[in-house]
Amino acid sequence: QVQLVESGGGLVQAGGSLRLSCAASGRTFSSYAMAWFRQAPGKERDFVGNIIWIGGSTYYADSVKGRFKISRDNAKNVLYLQMNSLKPEDTAVYYCAAARLKGPQATMSRDARYDYWGQGTQVTVSS
């Protein structure tokens, strides 16, 4: 049973940084894509970015490109989301997700592609 547990959320001022973590367990993830999504109040869940576990190739939404960085620690099975230059519009619940790689990395930007989800962690950016 795959389990994903996020941590690291909190309150930060605009322009600040946060690093989220997602501890993954229950299997090996070498053939998996791991992703971060976010959902603001009253809005749909949006793709933030993903990483192919083996190789470490990353892909980002335009809204976060150049500000956010996804990485993973193979030995610890932990996924990270480093968020810099945060804006109030980045305020949301952030979720990590995992799925077997089903196609090109860019196609793994849809939440329906993911089989496993964490419980989410709140990020609030004050202006």
Foldseek 3Di string as FASTA:
>chain_A
DKAWAKDWADEAAAQAKTKMKIQIDDDQQQQKKKFKWWDDPPGDIFGAKIFRQNPTDIDGDPVQPPFWDWGADRVRRMIMIIGGNDDQVVWTWMKMFMAGDDDPRVVVRDPVRTDDIHPTDTHGYHD
